[in-house]
Amino acid sequence: MVTSGTAVVTLPSETQIQITREFEAPRHLVYRAWTTPELIERWWSGKRGEVSVADVDLRVGGSWRYLMTANEGFEVGFHGEFREIVPNERIVNTEIYDTGPGAEEAQGLEPALITTTFTEVDGRTLLTQTTECHSAEVRDMILESGMEAGMQESMDRLEQVAGSLA
């Protein structure tokens, strides 16, 4: 897979997408920016719009929902449930694409299972996110949605937000 930014996207299996990216910030700050609604509002949409909802009930069984209004005027939203939380180290959650172009095609599909780990080395953080889809078709639908370019922008802003917390 060709990666266009500083995050690296790989395909470990026909149902998985893995994203890795280093951040110039300690992991407790990257984790804080990743899980705090007011901070998520600053980075999640990248340059593609404005975040209007960033709800996070950060506990096992708690839910989350992000919604943005894209620069083109339409909304894009995702939601899910937290399955595992190890503060500053690991989050496992489900994810469902619920609002936006093509969202009707995603209705009724099993949610993706996402494992995000935060590893600190010498004051920098390696974030690894593995998305497990229920089929190769769903994985390919995600890849073809343009997620990679938007994710790169979001990760760049996440680094800025995490760095601003130092």
Foldseek 3Di string as FASTA:
>chain_A
DDADAQWDWDAPDLFKIKIKHKFQAALLLLLCLVAPQVSCQQFQQQQFFGWPDWDHPPDAQTKTKTWTQGPVGFIWMKMWGWHDDDRSFKTKIWIQTCGDVPSVVRPPADTWIKMWTWDDDPRMTMIMIMTGGPGSVVVVVCVVVPVSVRVNSRVVSSSVSSVVVD
